[in-house]
C-alpha atoms as a PDB file:
ATOM      1  CA  MET A   1      -4.365 -10.581  27.450  1.00  0.00           C
ATOM      2  CA  ALA A   2      -1.158  -9.515  25.748  1.00  0.00           C
ATOM      3  CA  ARG A   3      -1.013 -10.871  22.237  1.00  0.00           C
ATOM      4  CA  PRO A   4       2.011 -12.908  21.158  1.00  0.00           C
ATOM      5  CA  THR A   5       4.552 -11.233  18.897  1.00  0.00           C
ATOM      6  CA  ASN A   6       3.812 -11.484  15.168  1.00  0.00           C
ATOM      7  CA  ALA A   7       0.527 -13.289  15.787  1.00  0.00           C
ATOM      8  CA  GLY A   8      -1.152 -11.657  12.809  1.00  0.00           C
ATOM      9  CA  LEU A   9      -1.237 -12.589   9.134  1.00  0.00           C
ATOM     10  CA  ASP A  10       0.323 -10.731   6.229  1.00  0.00           C
ATOM     11  CA  TYR A  11      -2.805 -11.320   4.144  1.00  0.00           C
ATOM     12  CA  PHE A  12      -6.192 -12.936   4.641  1.00  0.00           C
ATOM     13  CA  PRO A  13      -8.580 -14.907   2.417  1.00  0.00           C
ATOM     14  CA  LEU A  14     -11.920 -13.348   1.536  1.00  0.00           C
ATOM     15  CA  ASP A  15     -14.036 -16.414   0.887  1.00  0.00           C
ATOM     16  CA  THR A  16     -16.572 -16.396  -1.898  1.00  0.00           C
ATOM     17  CA  ASP A  17     -18.784 -19.116  -0.416  1.00  0.00           C
ATOM     18  CA  ILE A  18     -22.505 -18.418  -0.603  1.00  0.00           C
ATOM     19  CA  ASP A  19     -23.049 -18.109   3.145  1.00  0.00           C
ATOM     20  CA  GLN A  20     -20.287 -15.552   3.702  1.00  0.00           C
ATOM     21  CA  ASP A  21     -21.216 -13.641   0.573  1.00  0.00           C
ATOM     22  CA  ASP A  22     -24.867 -13.418   1.697  1.00  0.00           C
ATOM     23  CA  LYS A  23     -23.871 -12.032   5.098  1.00  0.00           C
ATOM     24  CA  LEU A  24     -21.723  -9.308   3.587  1.00  0.00           C
ATOM     25  CA  ALA A  25     -24.415  -8.621   0.993  1.00  0.00           C
ATOM     26  CA  LEU A  26     -26.934  -7.983   3.780  1.00  0.00           C
ATOM     27  CA  VAL A  27     -24.615  -5.436   5.408  1.00  0.00           C
ATOM     28  CA  GLU A  28     -24.062  -3.819   2.018  1.00  0.00           C
ATOM     29  CA  ALA A  29     -27.824  -3.699   1.463  1.00  0.00           C
ATOM     30  CA  ASP A  30     -28.181  -1.730   4.710  1.00  0.00           C
ATOM     31  CA  PHE A  31     -25.213   0.632   4.323  1.00  0.00           C
ATOM     32  CA  GLY A  32     -24.081   0.445   0.719  1.00  0.00           C
ATOM     33  CA  ILE A  33     -20.531  -0.018  -0.517  1.00  0.00           C
ATOM     34  CA  LYS A  34     -19.278   2.264   2.265  1.00  0.00           C
ATOM     35  CA  GLY A  35     -20.546  -0.131   4.927  1.00  0.00           C
ATOM     36  CA  PHE A  36     -19.115  -3.070   2.997  1.00  0.00           C
ATOM     37  CA  GLY A  37     -15.722  -1.359   2.947  1.00  0.00           C
ATOM     38  CA  ILE A  38     -15.829  -0.813   6.702  1.00  0.00           C
ATOM     39  CA  VAL A  39     -16.418  -4.543   7.274  1.00  0.00           C
ATOM     40  CA  ILE A  40     -13.453  -5.391   5.041  1.00  0.00           C
ATOM     41  CA  LYS A  41     -11.302  -2.952   7.015  1.00  0.00           C
ATOM     42  CA  LEU A  42     -12.419  -4.612  10.262  1.00  0.00           C
ATOM     43  CA  LEU A  43     -11.465  -8.024   8.876  1.00  0.00           C
ATOM     44  CA  MET A  44      -8.058  -6.597   7.979  1.00  0.00           C
ATOM     45  CA  LYS A  45      -7.589  -5.397  11.570  1.00  0.00           C
ATOM     46  CA  ILE A  46      -8.616  -8.779  12.968  1.00  0.00           C
ATOM     47  CA  TYR A  47      -6.295 -10.849  10.800  1.00  0.00           C
ATOM     48  CA  ALA A  48      -3.443  -8.361  11.207  1.00  0.00           C
ATOM     49  CA  THR A  49      -3.440  -8.952  14.962  1.00  0.00           C
ATOM     50  CA  SER A  50      -4.811 -12.464  15.567  1.00  0.00           C
ATOM     51  CA  TYR A  51      -8.068 -14.391  15.246  1.00  0.00           C
ATOM     52  CA  TYR A  52      -9.934 -11.645  17.113  1.00  0.00           C
ATOM     53  CA  TYR A  53      -9.756  -7.898  17.584  1.00  0.00           C
ATOM     54  CA  GLU A  54     -10.429  -5.997  20.810  1.00  0.00           C
ATOM     55  CA  TRP A  55     -13.225  -3.544  20.092  1.00  0.00           C
ATOM     56  CA  GLY A  56     -13.178  -1.117  23.002  1.00  0.00           C
ATOM     57  CA  GLU A  57     -13.889   2.590  23.121  1.00  0.00           C
ATOM     58  CA  LYS A  58     -10.337   3.541  22.215  1.00  0.00           C
ATOM     59  CA  GLU A  59     -10.216   1.185  19.226  1.00  0.00           C
ATOM     60  CA  GLN A  60     -13.592   2.447  18.001  1.00  0.00           C
ATOM     61  CA  LYS A  61     -12.506   6.101  18.093  1.00  0.00           C
ATOM     62  CA  LEU A  62      -9.217   5.418  16.341  1.00  0.00           C
ATOM     63  CA  PHE A  63     -10.840   3.212  13.727  1.00  0.00           C
ATOM     64  CA  SER A  64     -13.575   5.760  12.967  1.00  0.00           C
ATOM     65  CA  ARG A  65     -10.918   8.385  12.398  1.00  0.00           C
ATOM     66  CA  ARG A  66      -8.874   6.033  10.268  1.00  0.00           C
ATOM     67  CA  VAL A  67     -11.751   5.225   7.904  1.00  0.00           C
ATOM     68  CA  ASN A  68     -13.081   8.796   8.166  1.00  0.00           C
ATOM     69  CA  VAL A  69     -16.628   8.017   9.319  1.00  0.00           C
ATOM     70  CA  ASP A  70     -18.736   9.251  12.204  1.00  0.00           C
ATOM     71  CA  ILE A  71     -18.485   7.103  15.349  1.00  0.00           C
ATOM     72  CA  ASN A  72     -22.261   6.649  15.412  1.00  0.00           C
ATOM     73  CA  TYR A  73     -22.307   5.499  11.793  1.00  0.00           C
ATOM     74  CA  LEU A  74     -19.503   3.049  12.570  1.00  0.00           C
ATOM     75  CA  SER A  75     -21.469   1.723  15.543  1.00  0.00           C
ATOM     76  CA  ASP A  76     -24.514   1.135  13.329  1.00  0.00           C
ATOM     77  CA  VAL A  77     -22.433  -0.817  10.799  1.00  0.00           C
ATOM     78  CA  VAL A  78     -20.881  -3.003  13.512  1.00  0.00           C
ATOM     79  CA  ASN A  79     -24.310  -3.671  15.014  1.00  0.00           C
ATOM     80  CA  ALA A  80     -25.402  -4.833  11.578  1.00  0.00           C
ATOM     81  CA  THR A  81     -22.495  -7.297  11.492  1.00  0.00           C
ATOM     82  CA  PHE A  82     -23.856  -8.802  14.721  1.00  0.00           C
ATOM     83  CA  LYS A  83     -27.382  -8.812  13.335  1.00  0.00           C
ATOM     84  CA  TRP A  84     -26.353 -10.701  10.187  1.00  0.00           C
ATOM     85  CA  ASP A  85     -23.868 -12.942  12.004  1.00  0.00           C
ATOM     86  CA  VAL A  86     -20.752 -11.599  10.303  1.00  0.00           C
ATOM     87  CA  PHE A  87     -19.232 -11.337  13.795  1.00  0.00           C
ATOM     88  CA  ASN A  88     -20.305 -13.184  16.927  1.00  0.00           C
ATOM     89  CA  SER A  89     -22.413 -10.960  19.178  1.00  0.00           C
ATOM     90  CA  ASP A  90     -22.083 -13.170  22.295  1.00  0.00           C
ATOM     91  CA  LEU A  91     -18.287 -12.885  22.412  1.00  0.00           C
ATOM     92  CA  TYR A  92     -18.539  -9.153  21.903  1.00  0.00           C
ATOM     93  CA  LYS A  93     -20.957  -8.836  24.828  1.00  0.00           C
ATOM     94  CA  LYS A  94     -18.791 -11.018  27.101  1.00  0.00           C
ATOM     95  CA  HIS A  95     -15.274  -9.959  26.123  1.00  0.00           C
ATOM     96  CA  GLY A  96     -15.574  -6.940  23.817  1.00  0.00           C
ATOM     97  CA  ILE A  97     -13.940  -8.646  20.825  1.00  0.00           C
ATOM     98  CA  LEU A  98     -14.770  -9.050  17.152  1.00  0.00           C
ATOM     99  CA  THR A  99     -14.426 -12.568  15.734  1.00  0.00           C
ATOM    100  CA  SER A 100     -16.390 -15.353  14.078  1.00  0.00           C
ATOM    101  CA  ARG A 101     -16.185 -19.075  13.378  1.00  0.00           C
ATOM    102  CA  GLY A 102     -15.142 -18.396   9.815  1.00  0.00           C
ATOM    103  CA  VAL A 103     -12.409 -15.991  10.896  1.00  0.00           C
ATOM    104  CA  GLN A 104     -11.026 -18.512  13.369  1.00  0.00           C
ATOM    105  CA  LYS A 105     -11.043 -21.398  10.883  1.00  0.00           C
ATOM    106  CA  ARG A 106      -9.216 -19.351   8.285  1.00  0.00           C
ATOM    107  CA  TYR A 107      -6.728 -18.008  10.828  1.00  0.00           C
ATOM    108  CA  PHE A 108      -5.785 -21.413  12.261  1.00  0.00           C
ATOM    109  CA  GLU A 109      -5.459 -22.858   8.762  1.00  0.00           C
ATOM    110  CA  ALA A 110      -3.063 -20.058   7.834  1.00  0.00           C
ATOM    111  CA  CYS A 111      -1.030 -20.665  11.015  1.00  0.00           C
ATOM    112  CA  VAL A 112      -0.838 -24.445  10.669  1.00  0.00           C
ATOM    113  CA  ARG A 113       2.911 -24.329   9.917  1.00  0.00           C
ATOM    114  CA  ARG A 114       3.738 -22.127  12.875  1.00  0.00           C
ATOM    115  CA  LYS A 115       5.531 -23.712  15.786  1.00  0.00           C
ATOM    116  CA  GLU A 116       3.092 -22.385  18.362  1.00  0.00           C
ATOM    117  CA  VAL A 117      -0.200 -20.494  18.318  1.00  0.00           C
ATOM    118  CA  GLU A 118      -1.516 -19.047  21.578  1.00  0.00           C
ATOM    119  CA  VAL A 119      -5.266 -19.411  22.004  1.00  0.00           C
ATOM    120  CA  ALA A 120      -7.711 -18.347  24.704  1.00  0.00           C
ATOM    121  CA  ARG A 121     -10.440 -20.958  25.295  1.00  0.00           C
ATOM    122  CA  GLU A 122     -12.940 -18.270  26.152  1.00  0.00           C
ATOM    123  CA  TYR A 123     -12.553 -16.765  22.688  1.00  0.00           C
ATOM    124  CA  LEU A 124     -12.973 -19.996  20.731  1.00  0.00           C
ATOM    125  CA  LEU A 125     -16.040 -20.681  18.619  1.00  0.00           C
ATOM    126  CA  LEU A 126     -14.805 -23.915  17.059  1.00  0.00           C
ATOM    127  CA  SER A 127     -15.829 -27.326  18.366  1.00  0.00           C
ATOM    128  CA  ARG A 128     -13.420 -29.942  19.668  1.00  0.00           C
ATOM    129  CA  ASN A 129     -13.539 -31.851  16.389  1.00  0.00           C
ATOM    130  CA  GLU A 130     -12.601 -28.697  14.492  1.00  0.00           C
ATOM    131  CA  ILE A 131      -9.832 -27.590  16.826  1.00  0.00           C
ATOM    132  CA  GLU A 132      -8.118 -30.880  17.681  1.00  0.00           C
ATOM    133  CA  LYS A 133      -6.477 -31.208  14.258  1.00  0.00           C
ATOM    134  CA  TYR A 134      -4.330 -28.151  14.986  1.00  0.00           C
ATOM    135  CA  LYS A 135      -1.418 -29.633  16.921  1.00  0.00           C
ATOM    136  CA  ASN A 136       0.409 -26.341  17.455  1.00  0.00           C
ATOM    137  CA  ILE A 137      -2.261 -24.674  19.624  1.00  0.00           C
ATOM    138  CA  VAL A 138      -1.238 -23.685  23.147  1.00  0.00           C
ATOM    139  CA  TYR A 139      -3.976 -22.516  25.498  1.00  0.00           C
ATOM    140  CA  VAL A 140      -3.401 -19.419  27.621  1.00  0.00           C
ATOM    141  CA  ASN A 141      -5.472 -17.554  30.174  1.00  0.00           C
ATOM    142  CA  ILE A 142      -7.019 -14.232  29.226  1.00  0.00           C
ATOM    143  CA  ASN A 143      -6.072 -12.629  32.542  1.00  0.00           C
ATOM    144  CA  PRO A 144      -3.392 -14.234  34.728  1.00  0.00           C
ATOM    145  CA  PRO A 145      -4.814 -14.645  38.295  1.00  0.00           C
ATOM    146  CA  SER A 146      -1.838 -12.791  39.806  1.00  0.00           C
ATOM    147  CA  VAL A 147      -2.762  -9.575  37.988  1.00  0.00           C
ATOM    148  CA  ASP A 148      -6.011  -9.105  39.863  1.00  0.00           C
ATOM    149  CA  GLU A 149      -7.141 -11.513  42.557  1.00  0.00           C
ATOM    150  CA  ASN A 150     -10.750 -10.372  42.193  1.00  0.00           C
ATOM    151  CA  VAL A 151     -10.945 -11.376  38.528  1.00  0.00           C
ATOM    152  CA  ASN A 152     -12.711 -14.682  37.973  1.00  0.00           C
ATOM    153  CA  ILE A 153     -11.663 -16.393  34.778  1.00  0.00           C
ATOM    154  CA  LYS A 154     -14.840 -17.413  33.030  1.00  0.00           C
ATOM    155  CA  SER A 155     -15.059 -20.854  31.486  1.00  0.00           C
ATOM    156  CA  SER A 156     -16.900 -21.344  28.244  1.00  0.00           C
ATOM    157  CA  SER A 157     -18.861 -24.413  27.303  1.00  0.00           C
ATOM    158  CA  LEU A 158     -15.888 -25.507  25.226  1.00  0.00           C
ATOM    159  CA  ASP A 159     -13.976 -26.377  28.411  1.00  0.00           C
ATOM    160  CA  GLU A 160     -15.987 -29.593  28.568  1.00  0.00           C
ATOM    161  CA  ASN A 161     -14.677 -30.518  25.129  1.00  0.00           C
ATOM    162  CA  VAL A 162     -11.012 -29.926  25.959  1.00  0.00           C
ATOM    163  CA  ASP A 163      -9.026 -32.990  26.873  1.00  0.00           C
ATOM    164  CA  ALA A 164      -8.352 -33.008  30.622  1.00  0.00           C
ATOM    165  CA  GLY A 165      -4.737 -34.068  30.178  1.00  0.00           C
ATOM    166  CA  THR A 166      -4.074 -31.195  27.809  1.00  0.00           C
ATOM    167  CA  GLN A 167      -5.765 -28.734  30.146  1.00  0.00           C
ATOM    168  CA  SER A 168      -3.654 -29.673  33.163  1.00  0.00           C
ATOM    169  CA  LYS A 169      -0.493 -29.559  31.081  1.00  0.00           C
ATOM    170  CA  VAL A 170      -1.304 -26.096  29.811  1.00  0.00           C
ATOM    171  CA  GLU A 171      -2.125 -24.778  33.246  1.00  0.00           C
ATOM    172  CA  GLU A 172       1.261 -25.943  34.495  1.00  0.00           C
ATOM    173  CA  SER A 173       3.240 -24.543  31.584  1.00  0.00           C
ATOM    174  CA  LYS A 174       1.407 -21.446  30.348  1.00  0.00           C
ATOM    175  CA  VAL A 175      -0.021 -19.547  33.326  1.00  0.00           C
ATOM    176  CA  LYS A 176       2.296 -16.574  33.596  1.00  0.00           C
ATOM    177  CA  GLU A 177       3.406 -15.299  36.999  1.00  0.00           C
ATOM    178  CA  SER A 178       3.213 -11.607  37.772  1.00  0.00           C
ATOM    179  CA  LYS A 179       6.145  -9.422  38.695  1.00  0.00           C
ATOM    180  CA  GLY A 180       5.081  -9.567  42.348  1.00  0.00           C
ATOM    181  CA  ASN A 181       5.384 -13.338  42.404  1.00  0.00           C
ATOM    182  CA  ASN A 182       8.889 -13.200  40.960  1.00  0.00           C
ATOM    183  CA  SER A 183      10.684 -11.580  43.888  1.00  0.00           C
ATOM    184  CA  ASN A 184      14.043 -12.954  42.723  1.00  0.00           C
ATOM    185  CA  LYS A 185      14.003 -10.912  39.524  1.00  0.00           C
ATOM    186  CA  SER A 186      16.267  -7.888  39.320  1.00  0.00           C
ATOM    187  CA  ASP A 187      15.235  -4.516  37.959  1.00  0.00           C
ATOM    188  CA  ASP A 188      16.866  -5.401  34.637  1.00  0.00           C
ATOM    189  CA  ASP A 189      14.579  -8.410  34.299  1.00  0.00           C
ATOM    190  CA  VAL A 190      11.395  -6.366  34.577  1.00  0.00           C
ATOM    191  CA  VAL A 191       9.499  -6.469  31.301  1.00  0.00           C
ATOM    192  CA  VAL A 192       8.256  -3.085  30.152  1.00  0.00           C
ATOM    193  CA  PRO A 193       4.641  -3.278  28.983  1.00  0.00           C
ATOM    194  CA  PRO A 194       4.251  -2.928  25.210  1.00  0.00           C
ATOM    195  CA  GLY A 195       3.903   0.694  24.142  1.00  0.00           C
ATOM    196  CA  ASN A 196       5.571   2.267  27.188  1.00  0.00           C
ATOM    197  CA  LYS A 197       8.890   2.759  25.414  1.00  0.00           C
ATOM    198  CA  ALA A 198       7.217   4.649  22.593  1.00  0.00           C
ATOM    199  CA  HIS A 199       5.392   6.946  25.014  1.00  0.00           C
ATOM    200  CA  GLU A 200       8.592   7.562  26.976  1.00  0.00           C
ATOM    201  CA  PHE A 201      10.452   8.345  23.760  1.00  0.00           C
ATOM    202  CA  TYR A 202       7.790  10.879  22.810  1.00  0.00           C
ATOM    203  CA  GLN A 203       8.029  12.746  26.102  1.00  0.00           C
ATOM    204  CA  GLN A 204      11.827  12.693  26.188  1.00  0.00           C
ATOM    205  CA  HIS A 205      12.497  13.863  22.646  1.00  0.00           C
ATOM    206  CA  PHE A 206       9.570  16.144  21.846  1.00  0.00           C
ATOM    207  CA  GLN A 207       9.559  17.738  25.313  1.00  0.00           C
ATOM    208  CA  ILE A 208       5.761  17.765  25.319  1.00  0.00           C
ATOM    209  CA  ILE A 209       3.422  16.050  27.723  1.00  0.00           C
ATOM    210  CA  GLU A 210       1.158  13.668  25.870  1.00  0.00           C
ATOM    211  CA  ASN A 211      -2.455  14.652  25.516  1.00  0.00           C
ATOM    212  CA  PRO A 212      -5.079  11.882  25.357  1.00  0.00           C
ATOM    213  CA  ILE A 213      -5.480  12.178  21.583  1.00  0.00           C
ATOM    214  CA  THR A 214      -1.747  11.844  20.890  1.00  0.00           C
ATOM    215  CA  SER A 215      -1.489   8.977  23.360  1.00  0.00           C
ATOM    216  CA  GLN A 216      -4.290   7.097  21.611  1.00  0.00           C
ATOM    217  CA  ASN A 217      -2.733   7.873  18.253  1.00  0.00           C
ATOM    218  CA  ILE A 218       0.590   6.353  19.328  1.00  0.00           C
ATOM    219  CA  ASP A 219      -1.212   3.258  20.601  1.00  0.00           C
ATOM    220  CA  PHE A 220      -3.009   2.999  17.296  1.00  0.00           C
ATOM    221  CA  TRP A 221       0.228   3.040  15.303  1.00  0.00           C
ATOM    222  CA  ILE A 222       1.848   0.532  17.667  1.00  0.00           C
ATOM    223  CA  ASP A 223      -1.076  -1.769  17.008  1.00  0.00           C
ATOM    224  CA  ASP A 224      -1.037  -1.136  13.260  1.00  0.00           C
ATOM    225  CA  LEU A 225       2.739  -1.241  12.672  1.00  0.00           C
ATOM    226  CA  SER A 226       4.893  -2.039  15.706  1.00  0.00           C
ATOM    227  CA  GLU A 227       6.445  -0.221  18.629  1.00  0.00           C
ATOM    228  CA  GLU A 228       9.850  -0.462  16.975  1.00  0.00           C
ATOM    229  CA  LEU A 229       8.666   1.317  13.838  1.00  0.00           C
ATOM    230  CA  VAL A 230       6.801   3.968  15.846  1.00  0.00           C
ATOM    231  CA  ILE A 231       9.982   4.781  17.765  1.00  0.00           C
ATOM    232  CA  GLU A 232      11.986   4.805  14.525  1.00  0.00           C
ATOM    233  CA  ALA A 233       9.557   7.269  12.924  1.00  0.00           C
ATOM    234  CA  MET A 234       9.656   9.564  15.957  1.00  0.00           C
ATOM    235  CA  SER A 235      13.457   9.322  15.988  1.00  0.00           C
ATOM    236  CA  ARG A 236      13.616  10.506  12.385  1.00  0.00           C
ATOM    237  CA  ALA A 237      11.251  13.362  13.151  1.00  0.00           C
ATOM    238  CA  ALA A 238      13.347  14.413  16.149  1.00  0.00           C
ATOM    239  CA  LEU A 239      16.581  14.329  14.099  1.00  0.00           C
ATOM    240  CA  ALA A 240      14.910  16.525  11.492  1.00  0.00           C
ATOM    241  CA  LEU A 241      13.817  18.908  14.266  1.00  0.00           C
ATOM    242  CA  LYS A 242      10.192  18.185  13.426  1.00  0.00           C
ATOM    243  CA  GLY A 243       7.217  17.385  15.634  1.00  0.00           C
ATOM    244  CA  TYR A 244       5.035  14.315  16.031  1.00  0.00           C
ATOM    245  CA  PRO A 245       2.872  15.073  12.943  1.00  0.00           C
ATOM    246  CA  TYR A 246       6.023  14.611  10.848  1.00  0.00           C
ATOM    247  CA  ALA A 247       6.571  11.202  12.469  1.00  0.00           C
ATOM    248  CA  GLU A 248       2.963  10.262  11.789  1.00  0.00           C
ATOM    249  CA  GLY A 249       3.447  11.194   8.142  1.00  0.00           C
ATOM    250  CA  ILE A 250       6.365   8.760   7.967  1.00  0.00           C
ATOM    251  CA  MET A 251       4.242   6.030   9.548  1.00  0.00           C
ATOM    252  CA  LYS A 252       1.408   6.666   7.097  1.00  0.00           C
ATOM    253  CA  ASN A 253       3.832   6.224   4.200  1.00  0.00           C
ATOM    254  CA  TRP A 254       5.119   2.958   5.685  1.00  0.00           C
ATOM    255  CA  ASP A 255       1.590   1.714   6.265  1.00  0.00           C
ATOM    256  CA  LYS A 256       0.575   2.620   2.707  1.00  0.00           C
ATOM    257  CA  ALA A 257       3.618   0.754   1.353  1.00  0.00           C
ATOM    258  CA  GLY A 258       2.867  -2.294   3.525  1.00  0.00           C
ATOM    259  CA  ILE A 259       6.096  -1.926   5.519  1.00  0.00           C
ATOM    260  CA  LYS A 260       5.940  -3.786   8.841  1.00  0.00           C
ATOM    261  CA  THR A 261       9.567  -4.486   9.873  1.00  0.00           C
ATOM    262  CA  MET A 262      12.831  -2.581  10.223  1.00  0.00           C
ATOM    263  CA  ASP A 263      14.368  -4.711   7.482  1.00  0.00           C
ATOM    264  CA  GLU A 264      11.664  -3.512   5.106  1.00  0.00           C
ATOM    265  CA  VAL A 265      12.313   0.079   6.229  1.00  0.00           C
ATOM    266  CA  LYS A 266      16.013  -0.298   5.347  1.00  0.00           C
ATOM    267  CA  VAL A 267      15.169  -1.727   1.941  1.00  0.00           C
ATOM    268  CA  ALA A 268      12.801   1.199   1.288  1.00  0.00           C
ATOM    269  CA  ASP A 269      15.504   3.683   2.368  1.00  0.00           C
ATOM    270  CA  ILE A 270      18.031   2.163  -0.038  1.00  0.00           C
ATOM    271  CA  ALA A 271      15.525   2.239  -2.889  1.00  0.00           C
ATOM    272  CA  PHE A 272      14.768   5.889  -2.156  1.00  0.00           C
ATOM    273  CA  GLU A 273      18.448   6.855  -2.136  1.00  0.00           C
ATOM    274  CA  ASN A 274      19.044   5.032  -5.409  1.00  0.00           C
ATOM    275  CA  SER A 275      16.135   6.860  -7.005  1.00  0.00           C
ATOM    276  CA  LYS A 276      17.791  10.214  -6.208  1.00  0.00           C
ATOM    277  CA  LYS A 277      21.071   9.313  -7.888  1.00  0.00           C
ATOM    278  CA  LYS A 278      21.603  10.714 -11.396  1.00  0.00           C
ATOM    279  CA  PRO A 279      24.022   9.249 -13.968  1.00  0.00           C
ATOM    280  CA  SER A 280      27.319  11.190 -14.100  1.00  0.00           C
ATOM    281  CA  TYR A 281      29.277  11.955 -17.271  1.00  0.00           C
ATOM    282  CA  GLY A 282      33.060  12.412 -17.545  1.00  0.00           C
ATOM    283  CA  GLY A 283      34.285  15.600 -19.230  1.00  0.00           C
ATOM    284  CA  ASN A 284      32.115  17.829 -21.312  1.00  0.00           C
ATOM    285  CA  PRO A 285      28.944  16.283 -22.637  1.00  0.00           C
ATOM    286  CA  SER A 286      29.180  15.452 -26.310  1.00  0.00           C
ATOM    287  CA  ILE A 287      27.305  17.736 -28.686  1.00  0.00           C
ATOM    288  CA  ARG A 288      25.105  15.978 -31.139  1.00  0.00           C
ATOM    289  CA  LYS A 289      25.900  16.778 -34.726  1.00  0.00           C
ATOM    290  CA  GLU A 290      23.359  16.413 -37.479  1.00  0.00           C
ATOM    291  CA  THR A 291      24.642  14.828 -40.695  1.00  0.00           C
ATOM    292  CA  LEU A 292      23.040  16.198 -43.847  1.00  0.00           C
ATOM    293  CA  PRO A 293      22.168  13.795 -46.668  1.00  0.00           C
ATOM    294  CA  ASP A 294      24.105  13.997 -49.922  1.00  0.00           C
ATOM    295  CA  TRP A 295      21.242  15.593 -51.841  1.00  0.00           C
ATOM    296  CA  ALA A 296      21.039  18.418 -49.291  1.00  0.00           C
ATOM    297  CA  LYS A 297      24.750  18.972 -49.519  1.00  0.00           C
ATOM    298  CA  GLU A 298      24.507  19.268 -53.285  1.00  0.00           C
ATOM    299  CA  GLU A 299      21.699  21.806 -53.077  1.00  0.00           C
ATOM    300  CA  ASN A 300      23.536  23.902 -50.540  1.00  0.00           C
ATOM    301  CA  GLN A 301      26.780  23.990 -52.516  1.00  0.00           C
ATOM    302  CA  GLN A 302      27.424  27.263 -54.333  1.00  0.00           C
ATOM    303  CA  ILE A 303      27.970  26.983 -58.113  1.00  0.00           C
ATOM    304  CA  GLU A 304      31.259  28.526 -59.194  1.00  0.00           C
ATOM    305  CA  GLU A 305      30.981  30.619 -62.415  1.00  0.00           C
ATOM    306  CA  LYS A 306      33.851  30.133 -64.895  1.00  0.00           C
ATOM    307  CA  PRO A 307      34.500  32.485 -67.836  1.00  0.00           C
ATOM    308  CA  MET A 308      33.716  31.059 -71.349  1.00  0.00           C
ATOM    309  CA  SER A 309      36.505  30.414 -73.791  1.00  0.00           C
ATOM    310  CA  GLU A 310      36.510  31.967 -77.288  1.00  0.00           C
ATOM    311  CA  GLU A 311      35.469  28.678 -78.885  1.00  0.00           C
ATOM    312  CA  GLU A 312      32.582  28.281 -76.422  1.00  0.00           C
ATOM    313  CA  LYS A 313      31.468  31.854 -77.148  1.00  0.00           C
ATOM    314  CA  ALA A 314      31.513  31.236 -80.941  1.00  0.00           C
ATOM    315  CA  ALA A 315      29.523  27.973 -80.546  1.00  0.00           C
ATOM    316  CA  PHE A 316      27.034  29.727 -78.287  1.00  0.00           C
ATOM    317  CA  MET A 317      26.523  32.610 -80.749  1.00  0.00           C
ATOM    318  CA  GLU A 318      26.060  30.141 -83.638  1.00  0.00           C
ATOM    319  CA  ARG A 319      23.393  28.274 -81.703  1.00  0.00           C
ATOM    320  CA  LEU A 320      21.687  31.513 -80.761  1.00  0.00           C
ATOM    321  CA  LYS A 321      21.486  32.575 -84.437  1.00  0.00           C
ATOM    322  CA  LYS A 322      19.870  29.268 -85.389  1.00  0.00           C
ATOM    323  CA  ILE A 323      17.283  29.680 -82.662  1.00  0.00           C
ATOM    324  CA  GLN A 324      16.532  33.248 -83.769  1.00  0.00           C
ATOM    325  CA  SER A 325      16.312  32.168 -87.456  1.00  0.00           C
ATOM    326  CA  PHE A 326      13.918  29.360 -86.516  1.00  0.00           C
ATOM    327  CA  ASP A 327      11.772  31.786 -84.550  1.00  0.00           C
ATOM    328  CA  ARG A 328      11.596  34.189 -87.608  1.00  0.00           C
ATOM    329  CA  GLU A 329      10.491  31.364 -89.939  1.00  0.00           C
ATOM    330  CA  LYS A 330       7.754  30.437 -87.502  1.00  0.00           C
ATOM    331  CA  GLU A 331       6.539  34.021 -87.328  1.00  0.00           C
ATOM    332  CA  THR A 332       6.483  34.256 -91.190  1.00  0.00           C
ATOM    333  CA  GLN A 333       4.440  31.085 -91.483  1.00  0.00           C
ATOM    334  CA  ILE A 334       1.941  32.314 -88.924  1.00  0.00           C
ATOM    335  CA  GLU A 335       1.542  35.696 -90.698  1.00  0.00           C
ATOM    336  CA  SER A 336       1.063  33.984 -94.099  1.00  0.00           C
ATOM    337  CA  THR A 337      -1.607  31.688 -92.656  1.00  0.00           C
ATOM    338  CA  LEU A 338      -3.484  34.560 -91.096  1.00  0.00           C
ATOM    339  CA  HIS A 339      -3.371  36.572 -94.361  1.00  0.00           C
ATOM    340  CA  GLY A 340      -4.781  33.671 -96.363  1.00  0.00           C
ATOM    341  CA  PHE A 341      -7.582  33.203 -93.808  1.00  0.00           C
ATOM    342  CA  LYS A 342      -8.542  36.870 -94.170  1.00  0.00           C
ATOM    343  CA  VAL A 343      -8.652  36.695 -98.009  1.00  0.00           C
ATOM    344  CA  GLU A 344     -10.887  33.634 -97.956  1.00  0.00           C
ATOM    345  CA  ASN A 345     -13.319  35.361 -95.644  1.00  0.00           C
ATOM    346  CA  LYS A 346     -13.620  38.411 -97.969  1.00  0.00           C
ATOM    347  CA  ARG A 347     -14.720  36.395-101.053  1.00  0.00           C
ATOM    348  CA  PRO A 348     -18.476  36.590-101.825  1.00  0.00           C
END
């Protein structure tokens, strides 16, 4: 079943209710924080696409590479999620998808304002009482009968709970006809399956035949970002005369930054260009001049020596004589004191 465009959520709630917390705690008890992180990553993939996630061989290989764990280890963690009822094991066995009642309730609540939400009855785990309050749900078939006449569409037990009037209305309005049944359509009206344009772009511009690993990698990025962004990244790599690894590097940067649309790509490009711009200055840059304080100026000034006048010389010499006379009187007093001290010491 081809998913509707933009069916996923931009963010998802991680409930802290006791039941959900216990389930995740049991997985963490088996595999530690690494196993807990893998479950969170799986929930991110589910909500990013819809209320379920197809868990086939290709998705498992790509996911194991993305979280950098061995495929066998990943399989053990997922089996633990079935064991502890984090995900529903019956729907995985029947349809190869990962989902749960809690996931579906949270998804439909988040989509309540959307005009239309496409839902497959076979994938539902909610009861009629839980699902009937969502008025924007439109039921679709997993596999249109015209695609393969030998495919029998399985009916779940929930079919008995679906209103008969609603069912007949949906079957009239939502069963999609195949290209073979639309013989009046021209070649321009043929819808190219999602992902084909990206693969064609790769072969045309990189002049290399896709190997299975590259093909799966492109599908992975289409699922994680969008076909439009994958083509844009490859276009930039081709213009730079680089190979596909360069394009994948661009996509990794977008994914890390949470970029999902071309509008967000343009905003990021503008921000990047602005970050490269440096402020320009007109003319020669001004040279900073240090201003010395007044006290420093005074210390650095050279003292100019002026010759003494005759009067200044006479006054100076007079003062010098007084100083010398005072010094001689002091010396005489000291000598007289010392002489008297010696005489006193000689007396018997």
